[in-house]
């Protein structure tokens, strides 16, 4: 099926084909950009558990809130690396404002991560 909007036309592939294509993307930066393409891609990415399990993360440099959001989402889908990085954030003193999480036994600080 071909969808045309103004001067842009796009071929709509079956969900399985688009999921297969998206399964070859593993960097969180690329996933973030692809989620912004359209509502359909955001849905396909957000519901693609194998994709979330395979995302490759790195330690955050500046935006801890965004890192926590992505780690939390990926760890819910079984990404062990994201689960580890999320635990590392909390261990080194990150306080999650949206989930009211504040570890009580923190001895190190986030600044020691860099």
PDB file of N, CA and C in Angstrom:
ATOM      1  N   UNK A   1       0.844  -1.164   0.000  1.00  0.00           N
ATOM      2  CA  UNK A   1       0.000   0.000   0.000  1.00  0.00           C
ATOM      3  C   UNK A   1       0.897   1.238   0.000  1.00  0.00           C
ATOM      4  N   UNK A   2       0.519   2.257  -0.754  1.00  0.00           N
ATOM      5  CA  UNK A   2       1.271   3.506  -0.811  1.00  0.00           C
ATOM      6  C   UNK A   2       0.427   4.606  -0.200  1.00  0.00           C
ATOM      7  N   UNK A   3       0.997   5.330   0.741  1.00  0.00           N
ATOM      8  CA  UNK A   3       0.327   6.444   1.393  1.00  0.00           C
ATOM      9  C   UNK A   3       1.004   7.723   0.930  1.00  0.00           C
ATOM     10  N   UNK A   4       0.208   8.706   0.494  1.00  0.00           N
ATOM     11  CA  UNK A   4       0.774   9.967   0.014  1.00  0.00           C
ATOM     12  C   UNK A   4       0.241  11.119   0.844  1.00  0.00           C
ATOM     13  N   UNK A   5       1.138  11.936   1.386  1.00  0.00           N
ATOM     14  CA  UNK A   5       0.799  13.145   2.129  1.00  0.00           C
ATOM     15  C   UNK A   5       1.591  14.278   1.507  1.00  0.00           C
ATOM     16  N   UNK A   6       0.884  15.248   0.925  1.00  0.00           N
ATOM     17  CA  UNK A   6       1.533  16.395   0.278  1.00  0.00           C
ATOM     18  C   UNK A   6       2.566  15.896  -0.721  1.00  0.00           C
ATOM     19  N   UNK A   7       3.847  16.146  -0.472  1.00  0.00           N
ATOM     20  CA  UNK A   7       4.884  15.735  -1.413  1.00  0.00           C
ATOM     21  C   UNK A   7       5.634  14.487  -0.954  1.00  0.00           C
ATOM     22  N   UNK A   8       5.153  13.836   0.103  1.00  0.00           N
ATOM     23  CA  UNK A   8       5.834  12.664   0.645  1.00  0.00           C
ATOM     24  C   UNK A   8       4.976  11.430   0.399  1.00  0.00           C
ATOM     25  N   UNK A   9       5.567  10.406  -0.147  1.00  0.00           N
ATOM     26  CA  UNK A   9       4.832   9.147  -0.253  1.00  0.00           C
ATOM     27  C   UNK A   9       5.659   8.048   0.384  1.00  0.00           C
ATOM     28  N   UNK A  10       4.956   7.108   0.996  1.00  0.00           N
ATOM     29  CA  UNK A  10       5.634   6.072   1.755  1.00  0.00           C
ATOM     30  C   UNK A  10       4.920   4.747   1.511  1.00  0.00           C
ATOM     31  N   UNK A  11       5.686   3.718   1.309  1.00  0.00           N
ATOM     32  CA  UNK A  11       5.120   2.382   1.139  1.00  0.00           C
ATOM     33  C   UNK A  11       4.962   1.769   2.527  1.00  0.00           C
ATOM     34  N   UNK A  12       3.748   1.317   2.834  1.00  0.00           N
ATOM     35  CA  UNK A  12       3.481   0.679   4.116  1.00  0.00           C
ATOM     36  C   UNK A  12       3.732  -0.824   3.950  1.00  0.00           C
ATOM     37  N   UNK A  13       4.712  -1.305   4.670  1.00  0.00           N
ATOM     38  CA  UNK A  13       5.052  -2.729   4.639  1.00  0.00           C
ATOM     39  C   UNK A  13       4.290  -3.450   5.747  1.00  0.00           C
ATOM     40  N   UNK A  14       4.148  -4.745   5.645  1.00  0.00           N
ATOM     41  CA  UNK A  14       3.524  -5.503   6.742  1.00  0.00           C
ATOM     42  C   UNK A  14       4.333  -5.326   8.037  1.00  0.00           C
ATOM     43  N   UNK A  15       3.660  -5.389   9.169  1.00  0.00           N
ATOM     44  CA  UNK A  15       4.311  -5.207  10.473  1.00  0.00           C
ATOM     45  C   UNK A  15       5.521  -6.122  10.639  1.00  0.00           C
ATOM     46  N   UNK A  16       5.391  -7.370  10.213  1.00  0.00           N
ATOM     47  CA  UNK A  16       6.480  -8.335  10.384  1.00  0.00           C
ATOM     48  C   UNK A  16       7.736  -7.894   9.640  1.00  0.00           C
ATOM     49  N   UNK A  17       7.556  -7.334   8.454  1.00  0.00           N
ATOM     50  CA  UNK A  17       8.695  -6.875   7.656  1.00  0.00           C
ATOM     51  C   UNK A  17       9.348  -5.658   8.317  1.00  0.00           C
ATOM     52  N   UNK A  18       8.523  -4.717   8.772  1.00  0.00           N
ATOM     53  CA  UNK A  18       9.083  -3.534   9.437  1.00  0.00           C
ATOM     54  C   UNK A  18       9.779  -3.918  10.736  1.00  0.00           C
ATOM     55  N   UNK A  19       9.230  -4.859  11.488  1.00  0.00           N
ATOM     56  CA  UNK A  19       9.894  -5.325  12.713  1.00  0.00           C
ATOM     57  C   UNK A  19      11.239  -5.977  12.397  1.00  0.00           C
ATOM     58  N   UNK A  20      11.279  -6.735  11.309  1.00  0.00           N
ATOM     59  CA  UNK A  20      12.525  -7.365  10.894  1.00  0.00           C
ATOM     60  C   UNK A  20      13.571  -6.306  10.549  1.00  0.00           C
ATOM     61  N   UNK A  21      13.168  -5.285   9.839  1.00  0.00           N
ATOM     62  CA  UNK A  21      14.088  -4.191   9.499  1.00  0.00           C
ATOM     63  C   UNK A  21      14.567  -3.496  10.771  1.00  0.00           C
ATOM     64  N   UNK A  22      13.645  -3.185  11.663  1.00  0.00           N
ATOM     65  CA  UNK A  22      13.999  -2.488  12.914  1.00  0.00           C
ATOM     66  C   UNK A  22      14.871  -3.350  13.825  1.00  0.00           C
ATOM     67  N   UNK A  23      14.793  -4.671  13.674  1.00  0.00           N
ATOM     68  CA  UNK A  23      15.586  -5.549  14.542  1.00  0.00           C
ATOM     69  C   UNK A  23      17.086  -5.437  14.275  1.00  0.00           C
ATOM     70  N   UNK A  24      17.458  -4.791  13.191  1.00  0.00           N
ATOM     71  CA  UNK A  24      18.873  -4.609  12.865  1.00  0.00           C
ATOM     72  C   UNK A  24      19.443  -3.320  13.447  1.00  0.00           C
ATOM     73  N   UNK A  25      18.619  -2.561  14.150  1.00  0.00           N
ATOM     74  CA  UNK A  25      19.072  -1.323  14.791  1.00  0.00           C
ATOM     75  C   UNK A  25      19.299  -1.631  16.265  1.00  0.00           C
ATOM     76  N   UNK A  26      20.503  -1.318  16.778  1.00  0.00           N
ATOM     77  CA  UNK A  26      20.812  -1.687  18.157  1.00  0.00           C
ATOM     78  C   UNK A  26      21.277  -0.524  19.026  1.00  0.00           C
ATOM     79  N   UNK A  27      21.563   0.610  18.441  1.00  0.00           N
ATOM     80  CA  UNK A  27      22.041   1.738  19.246  1.00  0.00           C
ATOM     81  C   UNK A  27      20.853   2.568  19.718  1.00  0.00           C
ATOM     82  N   UNK A  28      20.842   2.910  20.973  1.00  0.00           N
ATOM     83  CA  UNK A  28      19.722   3.633  21.555  1.00  0.00           C
ATOM     84  C   UNK A  28      19.507   4.985  20.876  1.00  0.00           C
ATOM     85  N   UNK A  29      20.565   5.621  20.415  1.00  0.00           N
ATOM     86  CA  UNK A  29      20.432   6.910  19.738  1.00  0.00           C
ATOM     87  C   UNK A  29      19.626   6.756  18.451  1.00  0.00           C
ATOM     88  N   UNK A  30      19.861   5.667  17.717  1.00  0.00           N
ATOM     89  CA  UNK A  30      19.136   5.429  16.473  1.00  0.00           C
ATOM     90  C   UNK A  30      17.680   5.055  16.753  1.00  0.00           C
ATOM     91  N   UNK A  31      17.463   4.264  17.788  1.00  0.00           N
ATOM     92  CA  UNK A  31      16.096   3.895  18.172  1.00  0.00           C
ATOM     93  C   UNK A  31      15.303   5.153  18.526  1.00  0.00           C
ATOM     94  N   UNK A  32      15.925   6.058  19.276  1.00  0.00           N
ATOM     95  CA  UNK A  32      15.256   7.301  19.667  1.00  0.00           C
ATOM     96  C   UNK A  32      14.847   8.110  18.438  1.00  0.00           C
ATOM     97  N   UNK A  33      15.733   8.183  17.447  1.00  0.00           N
ATOM     98  CA  UNK A  33      15.408   8.917  16.226  1.00  0.00           C
ATOM     99  C   UNK A  33      14.297   8.230  15.438  1.00  0.00           C
ATOM    100  N   UNK A  34      14.348   6.916  15.337  1.00  0.00           N
ATOM    101  CA  UNK A  34      13.326   6.187  14.585  1.00  0.00           C
ATOM    102  C   UNK A  34      11.951   6.284  15.237  1.00  0.00           C
ATOM    103  N   UNK A  35      11.898   6.371  16.551  1.00  0.00           N
ATOM    104  CA  UNK A  35      10.615   6.511  17.252  1.00  0.00           C
ATOM    105  C   UNK A  35       9.920   7.817  16.894  1.00  0.00           C
ATOM    106  N   UNK A  36      10.697   8.812  16.445  1.00  0.00           N
ATOM    107  CA  UNK A  36      10.138  10.127  16.098  1.00  0.00           C
ATOM    108  C   UNK A  36       9.641  10.208  14.650  1.00  0.00           C
ATOM    109  N   UNK A  37       9.875   9.173  13.854  1.00  0.00           N
ATOM    110  CA  UNK A  37       9.495   9.220  12.440  1.00  0.00           C
ATOM    111  C   UNK A  37       7.980   9.350  12.282  1.00  0.00           C
ATOM    112  N   UNK A  38       7.239   8.473  12.942  1.00  0.00           N
ATOM    113  CA  UNK A  38       5.777   8.518  12.862  1.00  0.00           C
ATOM    114  C   UNK A  38       5.195   7.681  14.007  1.00  0.00           C
ATOM    115  N   UNK A  39       3.894   7.827  14.212  1.00  0.00           N
ATOM    116  CA  UNK A  39       3.227   7.097  15.296  1.00  0.00           C
ATOM    117  C   UNK A  39       3.328   5.586  15.087  1.00  0.00           C
ATOM    118  N   UNK A  40       3.243   5.168  13.842  1.00  0.00           N
ATOM    119  CA  UNK A  40       3.307   3.729  13.536  1.00  0.00           C
ATOM    120  C   UNK A  40       4.654   3.148  13.953  1.00  0.00           C
ATOM    121  N   UNK A  41       5.760   3.821  13.608  1.00  0.00           N
ATOM    122  CA  UNK A  41       7.083   3.315  13.973  1.00  0.00           C
ATOM    123  C   UNK A  41       7.279   3.349  15.476  1.00  0.00           C
ATOM    124  N   UNK A  42       6.776   4.390  16.139  1.00  0.00           N
ATOM    125  CA  UNK A  42       6.877   4.461  17.603  1.00  0.00           C
ATOM    126  C   UNK A  42       6.186   3.244  18.214  1.00  0.00           C
ATOM    127  N   UNK A  43       4.993   2.925  17.723  1.00  0.00           N
ATOM    128  CA  UNK A  43       4.265   1.770  18.232  1.00  0.00           C
ATOM    129  C   UNK A  43       5.030   0.475  17.953  1.00  0.00           C
ATOM    130  N   UNK A  44       5.521   0.303  16.715  1.00  0.00           N
ATOM    131  CA  UNK A  44       6.249  -0.917  16.359  1.00  0.00           C
ATOM    132  C   UNK A  44       7.509  -1.084  17.205  1.00  0.00           C
ATOM    133  N   UNK A  45       8.183   0.014  17.486  1.00  0.00           N
ATOM    134  CA  UNK A  45       9.395  -0.052  18.307  1.00  0.00           C
ATOM    135  C   UNK A  45       9.044  -0.337  19.762  1.00  0.00           C
ATOM    136  N   UNK A  46       8.066   0.377  20.293  1.00  0.00           N
ATOM    137  CA  UNK A  46       7.713   0.211  21.705  1.00  0.00           C
ATOM    138  C   UNK A  46       7.182  -1.177  22.018  1.00  0.00           C
ATOM    139  N   UNK A  47       6.549  -1.827  21.064  1.00  0.00           N
ATOM    140  CA  UNK A  47       5.976  -3.157  21.279  1.00  0.00           C
ATOM    141  C   UNK A  47       6.908  -4.292  20.853  1.00  0.00           C
ATOM    142  N   UNK A  48       8.104  -3.976  20.417  1.00  0.00           N
ATOM    143  CA  UNK A  48       9.032  -4.978  19.886  1.00  0.00           C
ATOM    144  C   UNK A  48       9.995  -5.446  20.984  1.00  0.00           C
ATOM    145  N   UNK A  49       9.603  -6.464  21.729  1.00  0.00           N
ATOM    146  CA  UNK A  49      10.388  -6.953  22.866  1.00  0.00           C
ATOM    147  C   UNK A  49      11.785  -7.419  22.456  1.00  0.00           C
ATOM    148  N   UNK A  50      11.942  -8.183  21.370  1.00  0.00           N
ATOM    149  CA  UNK A  50      13.310  -8.572  20.980  1.00  0.00           C
ATOM    150  C   UNK A  50      14.211  -7.365  20.698  1.00  0.00           C
ATOM    151  N   UNK A  51      13.648  -6.317  20.146  1.00  0.00           N
ATOM    152  CA  UNK A  51      14.428  -5.100  19.889  1.00  0.00           C
ATOM    153  C   UNK A  51      14.923  -4.489  21.196  1.00  0.00           C
ATOM    154  N   UNK A  52      14.036  -4.379  22.185  1.00  0.00           N
ATOM    155  CA  UNK A  52      14.410  -3.794  23.474  1.00  0.00           C
ATOM    156  C   UNK A  52      15.436  -4.654  24.199  1.00  0.00           C
ATOM    157  N   UNK A  53      15.372  -5.957  23.999  1.00  0.00           N
ATOM    158  CA  UNK A  53      16.354  -6.840  24.629  1.00  0.00           C
ATOM    159  C   UNK A  53      17.745  -6.658  24.035  1.00  0.00           C
ATOM    160  N   UNK A  54      17.817  -6.200  22.779  1.00  0.00           N
ATOM    161  CA  UNK A  54      19.108  -6.130  22.096  1.00  0.00           C
ATOM    162  C   UNK A  54      19.722  -4.729  22.042  1.00  0.00           C
ATOM    163  N   UNK A  55      19.026  -3.704  22.557  1.00  0.00           N
ATOM    164  CA  UNK A  55      19.565  -2.343  22.497  1.00  0.00           C
ATOM    165  C   UNK A  55      20.868  -2.266  23.273  1.00  0.00           C
ATOM    166  N   UNK A  56      21.848  -1.594  22.692  1.00  0.00           N
ATOM    167  CA  UNK A  56      23.150  -1.402  23.333  1.00  0.00           C
ATOM    168  C   UNK A  56      23.182  -0.019  23.979  1.00  0.00           C
ATOM    169  N   UNK A  57      23.455   0.003  25.253  1.00  0.00           N
ATOM    170  CA  UNK A  57      23.504   1.251  26.006  1.00  0.00           C
ATOM    171  C   UNK A  57      24.941   1.578  26.403  1.00  0.00           C
ATOM    172  N   UNK A  58      25.158   2.843  26.728  1.00  0.00           N
ATOM    173  CA  UNK A  58      26.423   3.265  27.315  1.00  0.00           C
ATOM    174  C   UNK A  58      26.079   4.071  28.564  1.00  0.00           C
ATOM    175  N   UNK A  59      27.078   4.325  29.388  1.00  0.00           N
ATOM    176  CA  UNK A  59      26.826   5.136  30.574  1.00  0.00           C
ATOM    177  C   UNK A  59      26.451   6.547  30.147  1.00  0.00           C
ATOM    178  N   UNK A  60      25.486   7.164  30.825  1.00  0.00           N
ATOM    179  CA  UNK A  60      25.055   8.506  30.440  1.00  0.00           C
ATOM    180  C   UNK A  60      26.139   9.538  30.735  1.00  0.00           C
ATOM    181  N   UNK A  61      26.206  10.547  29.897  1.00  0.00           N
ATOM    182  CA  UNK A  61      27.176  11.608  30.107  1.00  0.00           C
ATOM    183  C   UNK A  61      26.509  12.807  30.763  1.00  0.00           C
ATOM    184  N   UNK A  62      25.334  13.181  30.289  1.00  0.00           N
ATOM    185  CA  UNK A  62      24.723  14.398  30.814  1.00  0.00           C
ATOM    186  C   UNK A  62      23.275  14.235  31.260  1.00  0.00           C
ATOM    187  N   UNK A  63      22.439  13.573  30.488  1.00  0.00           N
ATOM    188  CA  UNK A  63      21.017  13.528  30.780  1.00  0.00           C
ATOM    189  C   UNK A  63      20.643  12.248  31.525  1.00  0.00           C
ATOM    190  N   UNK A  64      20.771  12.286  32.836  1.00  0.00           N
ATOM    191  CA  UNK A  64      20.473  11.101  33.649  1.00  0.00           C
ATOM    192  C   UNK A  64      18.991  10.756  33.641  1.00  0.00           C
ATOM    193  N   UNK A  65      18.130  11.769  33.562  1.00  0.00           N
ATOM    194  CA  UNK A  65      16.693  11.500  33.524  1.00  0.00           C
ATOM    195  C   UNK A  65      16.325  10.690  32.289  1.00  0.00           C
ATOM    196  N   UNK A  66      16.870  11.088  31.135  1.00  0.00           N
ATOM    197  CA  UNK A  66      16.577  10.361  29.900  1.00  0.00           C
ATOM    198  C   UNK A  66      17.190   8.966  29.944  1.00  0.00           C
ATOM    199  N   UNK A  67      18.399   8.852  30.468  1.00  0.00           N
ATOM    200  CA  UNK A  67      19.042   7.539  30.576  1.00  0.00           C
ATOM    201  C   UNK A  67      18.199   6.616  31.446  1.00  0.00           C
ATOM    202  N   UNK A  68      17.723   7.112  32.561  1.00  0.00           N
ATOM    203  CA  UNK A  68      16.901   6.300  33.470  1.00  0.00           C
ATOM    204  C   UNK A  68      15.631   5.832  32.769  1.00  0.00           C
ATOM    205  N   UNK A  69      15.018   6.712  31.991  1.00  0.00           N
ATOM    206  CA  UNK A  69      13.790   6.363  31.267  1.00  0.00           C
ATOM    207  C   UNK A  69      14.045   5.208  30.289  1.00  0.00           C
ATOM    208  N   UNK A  70      15.130   5.311  29.512  1.00  0.00           N
ATOM    209  CA  UNK A  70      15.434   4.281  28.527  1.00  0.00           C
ATOM    210  C   UNK A  70      15.865   2.981  29.202  1.00  0.00           C
ATOM    211  N   UNK A  71      16.677   3.058  30.246  1.00  0.00           N
ATOM    212  CA  UNK A  71      17.108   1.854  30.968  1.00  0.00           C
ATOM    213  C   UNK A  71      15.897   1.139  31.555  1.00  0.00           C
ATOM    214  N   UNK A  72      14.994   1.913  32.160  1.00  0.00           N
ATOM    215  CA  UNK A  72      13.804   1.328  32.784  1.00  0.00           C
ATOM    216  C   UNK A  72      12.958   0.597  31.740  1.00  0.00           C
ATOM    217  N   UNK A  73      12.717   1.247  30.599  1.00  0.00           N
ATOM    218  CA  UNK A  73      11.883   0.643  29.547  1.00  0.00           C
ATOM    219  C   UNK A  73      12.525  -0.640  29.010  1.00  0.00           C
ATOM    220  N   UNK A  74      13.812  -0.591  28.716  1.00  0.00           N
ATOM    221  CA  UNK A  74      14.489  -1.771  28.172  1.00  0.00           C
ATOM    222  C   UNK A  74      14.578  -2.890  29.197  1.00  0.00           C
ATOM    223  N   UNK A  75      14.802  -2.548  30.464  1.00  0.00           N
ATOM    224  CA  UNK A  75      14.905  -3.598  31.479  1.00  0.00           C
ATOM    225  C   UNK A  75      13.562  -4.290  31.698  1.00  0.00           C
ATOM    226  N   UNK A  76      12.458  -3.559  31.534  1.00  0.00           N
ATOM    227  CA  UNK A  76      11.127  -4.185  31.625  1.00  0.00           C
ATOM    228  C   UNK A  76      10.930  -5.245  30.550  1.00  0.00           C
ATOM    229  N   UNK A  77      11.632  -5.085  29.431  1.00  0.00           N
ATOM    230  CA  UNK A  77      11.522  -6.048  28.323  1.00  0.00           C
ATOM    231  C   UNK A  77      12.628  -7.094  28.354  1.00  0.00           C
ATOM    232  N   UNK A  78      13.397  -7.152  29.429  1.00  0.00           N
ATOM    233  CA  UNK A  78      14.366  -8.218  29.589  1.00  0.00           C
ATOM    234  C   UNK A  78      15.793  -7.893  29.187  1.00  0.00           C
ATOM    235  N   UNK A  79      16.108  -6.632  28.934  1.00  0.00           N
ATOM    236  CA  UNK A  79      17.475  -6.258  28.570  1.00  0.00           C
ATOM    237  C   UNK A  79      18.322  -6.217  29.839  1.00  0.00           C
ATOM    238  N   UNK A  80      19.165  -7.235  30.031  1.00  0.00           N
ATOM    239  CA  UNK A  80      19.968  -7.357  31.252  1.00  0.00           C
ATOM    240  C   UNK A  80      20.992  -6.232  31.393  1.00  0.00           C
ATOM    241  N   UNK A  81      21.546  -5.785  30.290  1.00  0.00           N
ATOM    242  CA  UNK A  81      22.514  -4.688  30.327  1.00  0.00           C
ATOM    243  C   UNK A  81      21.843  -3.404  30.832  1.00  0.00           C
ATOM    244  N   UNK A  82      20.631  -3.135  30.358  1.00  0.00           N
ATOM    245  CA  UNK A  82      19.887  -1.958  30.808  1.00  0.00           C
ATOM    246  C   UNK A  82      19.542  -2.080  32.292  1.00  0.00           C
ATOM    247  N   UNK A  83      19.184  -3.277  32.730  1.00  0.00           N
ATOM    248  CA  UNK A  83      18.870  -3.510  34.137  1.00  0.00           C
ATOM    249  C   UNK A  83      20.096  -3.216  35.013  1.00  0.00           C
ATOM    250  N   UNK A  84      21.250  -3.661  34.556  1.00  0.00           N
ATOM    251  CA  UNK A  84      22.499  -3.408  35.279  1.00  0.00           C
ATOM    252  C   UNK A  84      22.799  -1.914  35.352  1.00  0.00           C
ATOM    253  N   UNK A  85      22.667  -1.202  34.227  1.00  0.00           N
ATOM    254  CA  UNK A  85      22.954   0.233  34.214  1.00  0.00           C
ATOM    255  C   UNK A  85      21.958   1.012  35.075  1.00  0.00           C
ATOM    256  N   UNK A  86      20.708   0.579  35.096  1.00  0.00           N
ATOM    257  CA  UNK A  86      19.704   1.207  35.948  1.00  0.00           C
ATOM    258  C   UNK A  86      20.086   1.027  37.419  1.00  0.00           C
ATOM    259  N   UNK A  87      20.483  -0.185  37.778  1.00  0.00           N
ATOM    260  CA  UNK A  87      20.926  -0.441  39.156  1.00  0.00           C
ATOM    261  C   UNK A  87      22.164   0.379  39.489  1.00  0.00           C
ATOM    262  N   UNK A  88      23.053   0.532  38.527  1.00  0.00           N
ATOM    263  CA  UNK A  88      24.261   1.325  38.733  1.00  0.00           C
ATOM    264  C   UNK A  88      23.920   2.793  38.989  1.00  0.00           C
ATOM    265  N   UNK A  89      22.969   3.334  38.238  1.00  0.00           N
ATOM    266  CA  UNK A  89      22.532   4.717  38.475  1.00  0.00           C
ATOM    267  C   UNK A  89      22.034   4.889  39.908  1.00  0.00           C
ATOM    268  N   UNK A  90      21.178   3.980  40.337  1.00  0.00           N
ATOM    269  CA  UNK A  90      20.620   4.073  41.681  1.00  0.00           C
ATOM    270  C   UNK A  90      21.694   3.870  42.750  1.00  0.00           C
ATOM    271  N   UNK A  91      22.608   2.957  42.517  1.00  0.00           N
ATOM    272  CA  UNK A  91      23.673   2.683  43.473  1.00  0.00           C
ATOM    273  C   UNK A  91      24.560   3.898  43.685  1.00  0.00           C
ATOM    274  N   UNK A  92      24.811   4.646  42.612  1.00  0.00           N
ATOM    275  CA  UNK A  92      25.691   5.808  42.703  1.00  0.00           C
ATOM    276  C   UNK A  92      24.943   7.107  42.982  1.00  0.00           C
ATOM    277  N   UNK A  93      23.728   7.006  43.504  1.00  0.00           N
ATOM    278  CA  UNK A  93      23.058   8.176  44.032  1.00  0.00           C
ATOM    279  C   UNK A  93      22.038   8.857  43.162  1.00  0.00           C
ATOM    280  N   UNK A  94      21.695   8.302  42.035  1.00  0.00           N
ATOM    281  CA  UNK A  94      20.668   8.924  41.206  1.00  0.00           C
ATOM    282  C   UNK A  94      19.334   8.835  41.922  1.00  0.00           C
ATOM    283  N   UNK A  95      18.611   9.930  41.979  1.00  0.00           N
ATOM    284  CA  UNK A  95      17.293   9.967  42.587  1.00  0.00           C
ATOM    285  C   UNK A  95      16.258  10.133  41.490  1.00  0.00           C
ATOM    286  N   UNK A  96      15.390   9.183  41.366  1.00  0.00           N
ATOM    287  CA  UNK A  96      14.344   9.221  40.348  1.00  0.00           C
ATOM    288  C   UNK A  96      13.166  10.019  40.878  1.00  0.00           C
ATOM    289  N   UNK A  97      12.954  11.206  40.330  1.00  0.00           N
ATOM    290  CA  UNK A  97      11.877  12.076  40.798  1.00  0.00           C
ATOM    291  C   UNK A  97      10.493  11.532  40.442  1.00  0.00           C
ATOM    292  N   UNK A  98      10.373  10.936  39.265  1.00  0.00           N
ATOM    293  CA  UNK A  98       9.059  10.484  38.814  1.00  0.00           C
ATOM    294  C   UNK A  98       8.592   9.211  39.512  1.00  0.00           C
ATOM    295  N   UNK A  99       9.518   8.404  40.023  1.00  0.00           N
ATOM    296  CA  UNK A  99       9.140   7.160  40.697  1.00  0.00           C
ATOM    297  C   UNK A  99       9.407   7.215  42.200  1.00  0.00           C
ATOM    298  N   UNK A 100       9.785   8.392  42.697  1.00  0.00           N
ATOM    299  CA  UNK A 100      10.071   8.580  44.119  1.00  0.00           C
ATOM    300  C   UNK A 100      11.029   7.525  44.659  1.00  0.00           C
ATOM    301  N   UNK A 101      12.039   7.223  43.866  1.00  0.00           N
ATOM    302  CA  UNK A 101      13.021   6.237  44.292  1.00  0.00           C
ATOM    303  C   UNK A 101      14.273   6.955  44.758  1.00  0.00           C
ATOM    304  N   UNK A 102      14.684   6.694  45.976  1.00  0.00           N
ATOM    305  CA  UNK A 102      15.889   7.295  46.514  1.00  0.00           C
ATOM    306  C   UNK A 102      16.567   6.238  47.382  1.00  0.00           C
ATOM    307  N   UNK A 103      17.636   5.623  46.892  1.00  0.00           N
ATOM    308  CA  UNK A 103      18.277   4.562  47.669  1.00  0.00           C
ATOM    309  C   UNK A 103      18.809   5.094  48.999  1.00  0.00           C
ATOM    310  N   UNK A 104      18.548   4.388  50.052  1.00  0.00           N
ATOM    311  CA  UNK A 104      18.948   4.865  51.384  1.00  0.00           C
ATOM    312  C   UNK A 104      20.384   4.535  51.728  1.00  0.00           C
ATOM    313  N   UNK A 105      20.972   3.549  51.077  1.00  0.00           N
ATOM    314  CA  UNK A 105      22.315   3.137  51.455  1.00  0.00           C
ATOM    315  C   UNK A 105      23.378   3.607  50.456  1.00  0.00           C
ATOM    316  N   UNK A 106      23.166   4.755  49.838  1.00  0.00           N
ATOM    317  CA  UNK A 106      24.112   5.249  48.850  1.00  0.00           C
ATOM    318  C   UNK A 106      25.333   5.850  49.523  1.00  0.00           C
ATOM    319  N   UNK A 107      26.505   5.434  49.068  1.00  0.00           N
ATOM    320  CA  UNK A 107      27.749   5.971  49.626  1.00  0.00           C
ATOM    321  C   UNK A 107      28.560   6.701  48.573  1.00  0.00           C
ATOM    322  N   UNK A 108      28.384   6.343  47.330  1.00  0.00           N
ATOM    323  CA  UNK A 108      29.150   6.990  46.258  1.00  0.00           C
ATOM    324  C   UNK A 108      28.296   8.080  45.625  1.00  0.00           C
ATOM    325  N   UNK A 109      28.835   8.754  44.655  1.00  0.00           N
ATOM    326  CA  UNK A 109      28.073   9.799  43.987  1.00  0.00           C
ATOM    327  C   UNK A 109      28.140   9.591  42.478  1.00  0.00           C
ATOM    328  N   UNK A 110      27.186  10.205  41.781  1.00  0.00           N
ATOM    329  CA  UNK A 110      27.129  10.118  40.324  1.00  0.00           C
ATOM    330  C   UNK A 110      28.417  10.681  39.717  1.00  0.00           C
ATOM    331  N   UNK A 111      28.981  11.716  40.309  1.00  0.00           N
ATOM    332  CA  UNK A 111      30.176  12.321  39.737  1.00  0.00           C
ATOM    333  C   UNK A 111      31.344  11.332  39.674  1.00  0.00           C
ATOM    334  N   UNK A 112      31.329  10.302  40.494  1.00  0.00           N
ATOM    335  CA  UNK A 112      32.416   9.327  40.459  1.00  0.00           C
ATOM    336  C   UNK A 112      32.280   8.363  39.283  1.00  0.00           C
ATOM    337  N   UNK A 113      31.147   8.398  38.556  1.00  0.00           N
ATOM    338  CA  UNK A 113      30.965   7.544  37.385  1.00  0.00           C
ATOM    339  C   UNK A 113      31.784   8.029  36.199  1.00  0.00           C
ATOM    340  N   UNK A 114      32.009   9.348  36.106  1.00  0.00           N
ATOM    341  CA  UNK A 114      32.674   9.863  34.918  1.00  0.00           C
ATOM    342  C   UNK A 114      34.167   9.914  35.064  1.00  0.00           C
TER     343      UNK A 114
END
